[in-house]
Amino acid sequence: MLDRGGRSDQWQLVGHGQTDADGRLRTLMPADAPLTPGPYRLVFDTGKYFELRGIRAFYPSVIILFEVEAAEAHYHVPLLISPFGYTTYRGS
């Protein structure tokens, strides 16, 4: 799920989807939807992901907050997960 907003009580859903067999989400937002500058929040349902695989996990969800800059049009935000940890970074 991708939300846009400022304060925690003012998020607006702008996209959602499910990862493919490669763990990628290629259709988070429509291709013609602009990314306007400001704060965004990605919410990953990691609990469901591991539950479907019969794996007990520590984190039921992972939330990534990031800022979109005016001149940037594309963002790649990888999430690397294991049942008991995760990491993320801004990809290219």
N, C-alpha and C. Protein backbone atom coordinates (compact mmCIF):
# COMPACT_ATOMS: atom_id res chain seq x y z
N MET A 1 0.85 -1.17 0.00
CA MET A 1 0.00 0.00 0.00
C MET A 1 0.90 1.23 0.00
N LEU A 2 0.54 2.21 -0.80
CA LEU A 2 1.28 3.47 -0.85
C LEU A 2 0.33 4.58 -0.46
N ASP A 3 0.71 5.33 0.56
CA ASP A 3 -0.08 6.46 1.04
C ASP A 3 0.71 7.72 0.83
N ARG A 4 0.00 8.83 0.67
CA ARG A 4 0.63 10.14 0.60
C ARG A 4 -0.01 11.02 1.65
N GLY A 5 0.79 11.80 2.31
CA GLY A 5 0.25 12.68 3.33
C GLY A 5 1.33 13.41 4.08
N GLY A 6 0.95 13.96 5.20
CA GLY A 6 1.89 14.71 6.00
C GLY A 6 1.92 14.22 7.41
N ARG A 7 0.82 14.38 8.09
CA ARG A 7 0.73 13.90 9.46
C ARG A 7 0.17 12.49 9.46
N SER A 8 0.41 11.76 10.54
CA SER A 8 0.01 10.36 10.60
C SER A 8 -1.49 10.16 10.45
N ASP A 9 -2.29 11.16 10.73
CA ASP A 9 -3.75 11.02 10.63
C ASP A 9 -4.29 11.57 9.30
N GLN A 10 -3.42 11.91 8.37
CA GLN A 10 -3.87 12.49 7.11
C GLN A 10 -3.32 11.77 5.89
N TRP A 11 -3.17 10.47 5.95
CA TRP A 11 -2.65 9.72 4.81
C TRP A 11 -3.78 9.41 3.83
N GLN A 12 -3.46 9.47 2.55
CA GLN A 12 -4.43 9.19 1.49
C GLN A 12 -3.86 8.07 0.62
N LEU A 13 -4.63 7.00 0.41
CA LEU A 13 -4.20 5.88 -0.40
C LEU A 13 -4.03 6.32 -1.85
N VAL A 14 -2.85 6.06 -2.43
CA VAL A 14 -2.61 6.40 -3.83
C VAL A 14 -2.24 5.18 -4.67
N GLY A 15 -2.03 4.04 -4.04
CA GLY A 15 -1.72 2.83 -4.78
C GLY A 15 -1.66 1.63 -3.87
N HIS A 16 -1.88 0.45 -4.46
CA HIS A 16 -1.75 -0.79 -3.71
C HIS A 16 -1.56 -1.95 -4.69
N GLY A 17 -1.13 -3.06 -4.20
CA GLY A 17 -0.93 -4.21 -5.05
C GLY A 17 -0.28 -5.34 -4.30
N GLN A 18 0.10 -6.38 -5.05
CA GLN A 18 0.73 -7.56 -4.48
C GLN A 18 1.97 -7.87 -5.30
N THR A 19 3.02 -8.27 -4.61
CA THR A 19 4.27 -8.59 -5.31
C THR A 19 4.11 -9.83 -6.18
N ASP A 20 4.92 -9.89 -7.23
CA ASP A 20 4.88 -11.04 -8.14
C ASP A 20 5.82 -12.12 -7.63
N ALA A 21 6.02 -13.16 -8.43
CA ALA A 21 6.87 -14.29 -8.04
C ALA A 21 8.32 -13.87 -7.81
N ASP A 22 8.75 -12.76 -8.42
CA ASP A 22 10.10 -12.24 -8.22
C ASP A 22 10.18 -11.29 -7.03
N GLY A 23 9.05 -11.08 -6.34
CA GLY A 23 9.03 -10.18 -5.19
C GLY A 23 8.94 -8.72 -5.58
N ARG A 24 8.54 -8.44 -6.80
CA ARG A 24 8.44 -7.06 -7.28
C ARG A 24 6.98 -6.65 -7.44
N LEU A 25 6.74 -5.38 -7.25
CA LEU A 25 5.41 -4.81 -7.47
C LEU A 25 5.54 -3.79 -8.58
N ARG A 26 5.13 -4.17 -9.76
CA ARG A 26 5.31 -3.33 -10.95
C ARG A 26 4.10 -2.44 -11.23
N THR A 27 3.02 -2.65 -10.52
CA THR A 27 1.78 -1.92 -10.80
C THR A 27 1.26 -1.20 -9.55
N LEU A 28 2.14 -0.62 -8.78
CA LEU A 28 1.72 0.07 -7.56
C LEU A 28 0.81 1.25 -7.87
N MET A 29 1.17 2.00 -8.90
CA MET A 29 0.38 3.14 -9.34
C MET A 29 0.22 3.07 -10.86
N PRO A 30 -0.83 3.67 -11.40
CA PRO A 30 -0.96 3.73 -12.86
C PRO A 30 0.24 4.45 -13.48
N ALA A 31 0.63 4.03 -14.67
CA ALA A 31 1.82 4.60 -15.33
C ALA A 31 1.72 6.11 -15.52
N ASP A 32 0.52 6.64 -15.72
CA ASP A 32 0.36 8.07 -15.96
C ASP A 32 0.13 8.88 -14.68
N ALA A 33 0.13 8.22 -13.53
CA ALA A 33 -0.09 8.92 -12.25
C ALA A 33 1.19 9.62 -11.82
N PRO A 34 1.15 10.93 -11.60
CA PRO A 34 2.36 11.64 -11.20
C PRO A 34 2.68 11.43 -9.72
N LEU A 35 3.95 11.44 -9.42
CA LEU A 35 4.40 11.45 -8.02
C LEU A 35 4.64 12.91 -7.67
N THR A 36 3.77 13.47 -6.88
CA THR A 36 3.96 14.86 -6.48
C THR A 36 4.90 14.93 -5.29
N PRO A 37 5.63 16.00 -5.15
CA PRO A 37 6.57 16.13 -4.04
C PRO A 37 5.85 16.03 -2.70
N GLY A 38 6.55 15.46 -1.73
CA GLY A 38 6.01 15.36 -0.38
C GLY A 38 6.29 14.01 0.24
N PRO A 39 5.74 13.80 1.43
CA PRO A 39 5.98 12.54 2.15
C PRO A 39 5.08 11.42 1.64
N TYR A 40 5.63 10.21 1.63
CA TYR A 40 4.90 9.01 1.24
C TYR A 40 5.18 7.92 2.28
N ARG A 41 4.29 6.95 2.30
CA ARG A 41 4.42 5.84 3.24
C ARG A 41 4.10 4.54 2.49
N LEU A 42 5.04 3.61 2.50
CA LEU A 42 4.82 2.27 1.97
C LEU A 42 4.54 1.34 3.14
N VAL A 43 3.48 0.55 3.05
CA VAL A 43 3.13 -0.39 4.11
C VAL A 43 3.16 -1.79 3.52
N PHE A 44 4.02 -2.64 4.04
CA PHE A 44 4.16 -4.01 3.58
C PHE A 44 3.50 -4.96 4.59
N ASP A 45 2.62 -5.81 4.13
CA ASP A 45 1.94 -6.80 4.98
C ASP A 45 2.83 -8.03 5.08
N THR A 46 3.92 -7.92 5.82
CA THR A 46 4.89 -9.00 5.92
C THR A 46 4.33 -10.18 6.71
N GLY A 47 3.43 -9.92 7.64
CA GLY A 47 2.82 -11.01 8.40
C GLY A 47 2.07 -11.97 7.49
N LYS A 48 1.29 -11.43 6.57
CA LYS A 48 0.54 -12.25 5.62
C LYS A 48 1.49 -13.02 4.70
N TYR A 49 2.54 -12.34 4.25
CA TYR A 49 3.54 -12.96 3.38
C TYR A 49 4.11 -14.22 4.03
N PHE A 50 4.57 -14.10 5.27
CA PHE A 50 5.16 -15.25 5.95
C PHE A 50 4.11 -16.28 6.34
N GLU A 51 2.92 -15.84 6.74
CA GLU A 51 1.85 -16.77 7.11
C GLU A 51 1.51 -17.70 5.94
N LEU A 52 1.43 -17.16 4.75
CA LEU A 52 1.12 -17.97 3.56
C LEU A 52 2.20 -19.02 3.29
N ARG A 53 3.38 -18.81 3.83
CA ARG A 53 4.49 -19.74 3.64
C ARG A 53 4.71 -20.63 4.86
N GLY A 54 3.82 -20.51 5.85
CA GLY A 54 3.93 -21.32 7.05
C GLY A 54 5.11 -20.97 7.93
N ILE A 55 5.50 -19.71 7.89
CA ILE A 55 6.66 -19.25 8.65
C ILE A 55 6.20 -18.26 9.72
N ARG A 56 6.65 -18.48 10.94
CA ARG A 56 6.35 -17.56 12.03
C ARG A 56 7.34 -16.39 11.95
N ALA A 57 6.82 -15.18 11.97
CA ALA A 57 7.67 -14.00 11.82
C ALA A 57 7.45 -13.01 12.95
N PHE A 58 8.43 -12.19 13.21
CA PHE A 58 8.40 -11.22 14.29
C PHE A 58 7.67 -9.92 13.92
N TYR A 59 7.82 -9.46 12.69
CA TYR A 59 7.23 -8.20 12.26
C TYR A 59 5.97 -8.45 11.42
N PRO A 60 4.78 -8.07 11.91
CA PRO A 60 3.55 -8.28 11.13
C PRO A 60 3.42 -7.31 9.96
N SER A 61 4.10 -6.18 10.04
CA SER A 61 4.11 -5.23 8.93
C SER A 61 5.38 -4.40 9.00
N VAL A 62 5.74 -3.85 7.84
CA VAL A 62 6.89 -2.95 7.76
C VAL A 62 6.39 -1.67 7.10
N ILE A 63 6.67 -0.55 7.73
CA ILE A 63 6.25 0.75 7.20
C ILE A 63 7.51 1.55 6.86
N ILE A 64 7.56 2.04 5.62
CA ILE A 64 8.70 2.84 5.17
C ILE A 64 8.18 4.23 4.82
N LEU A 65 8.70 5.24 5.49
CA LEU A 65 8.37 6.63 5.21
C LEU A 65 9.50 7.23 4.39
N PHE A 66 9.14 7.95 3.32
CA PHE A 66 10.17 8.58 2.50
C PHE A 66 9.62 9.86 1.89
N GLU A 67 10.52 10.66 1.37
CA GLU A 67 10.18 11.97 0.81
C GLU A 67 10.44 11.99 -0.68
N VAL A 68 9.46 12.41 -1.47
CA VAL A 68 9.61 12.56 -2.92
C VAL A 68 10.05 14.00 -3.20
N GLU A 69 11.14 14.13 -3.95
CA GLU A 69 11.66 15.44 -4.34
C GLU A 69 11.00 15.88 -5.65
N ALA A 70 10.97 17.18 -5.89
CA ALA A 70 10.28 17.74 -7.05
C ALA A 70 10.80 17.22 -8.39
N ALA A 71 12.10 17.08 -8.54
CA ALA A 71 12.67 16.73 -9.84
C ALA A 71 12.74 15.21 -10.09
N GLU A 72 12.38 14.42 -9.13
CA GLU A 72 12.51 12.97 -9.25
C GLU A 72 11.20 12.35 -9.74
N ALA A 73 11.28 11.46 -10.72
CA ALA A 73 10.06 10.86 -11.28
C ALA A 73 9.93 9.38 -10.96
N HIS A 74 11.02 8.72 -10.63
CA HIS A 74 11.00 7.28 -10.41
C HIS A 74 11.67 6.93 -9.09
N TYR A 75 11.04 6.04 -8.34
CA TYR A 75 11.62 5.59 -7.08
C TYR A 75 11.59 4.07 -7.04
N HIS A 76 12.69 3.49 -6.63
CA HIS A 76 12.80 2.05 -6.42
C HIS A 76 13.15 1.89 -4.94
N VAL A 77 12.24 1.29 -4.16
CA VAL A 77 12.42 1.17 -2.72
C VAL A 77 12.40 -0.31 -2.35
N PRO A 78 13.55 -0.99 -2.40
CA PRO A 78 13.59 -2.40 -2.07
C PRO A 78 13.39 -2.64 -0.57
N LEU A 79 12.72 -3.74 -0.27
CA LEU A 79 12.58 -4.22 1.10
C LEU A 79 13.12 -5.64 1.12
N LEU A 80 14.17 -5.86 1.88
CA LEU A 80 14.76 -7.19 2.03
C LEU A 80 14.32 -7.71 3.39
N ILE A 81 13.65 -8.87 3.41
CA ILE A 81 13.07 -9.36 4.66
C ILE A 81 13.50 -10.78 4.99
N SER A 82 13.49 -11.06 6.27
CA SER A 82 13.63 -12.41 6.80
C SER A 82 12.58 -12.49 7.92
N PRO A 83 12.34 -13.64 8.48
CA PRO A 83 11.31 -13.71 9.53
C PRO A 83 11.59 -12.82 10.74
N PHE A 84 12.85 -12.46 10.97
CA PHE A 84 13.18 -11.71 12.18
C PHE A 84 13.98 -10.43 11.92
N GLY A 85 13.93 -9.92 10.71
CA GLY A 85 14.62 -8.68 10.42
C GLY A 85 14.32 -8.20 9.01
N TYR A 86 14.64 -6.94 8.77
CA TYR A 86 14.46 -6.36 7.43
C TYR A 86 15.40 -5.19 7.24
N THR A 87 15.61 -4.83 5.99
CA THR A 87 16.39 -3.65 5.64
C THR A 87 15.81 -3.07 4.37
N THR A 88 16.02 -1.80 4.18
CA THR A 88 15.53 -1.12 2.99
C THR A 88 16.53 -0.03 2.61
N TYR A 89 16.43 0.43 1.37
CA TYR A 89 17.32 1.49 0.89
C TYR A 89 16.68 2.07 -0.35
N ARG A 90 17.20 3.17 -0.82
CA ARG A 90 16.73 3.74 -2.08
C ARG A 90 17.56 3.13 -3.20
N GLY A 91 16.90 2.37 -4.05
CA GLY A 91 17.57 1.73 -5.17
C GLY A 91 17.64 2.65 -6.36
N SER A 92 18.22 2.14 -7.44
CA SER A 92 18.36 2.95 -8.65
C SER A 92 17.42 2.48 -9.73
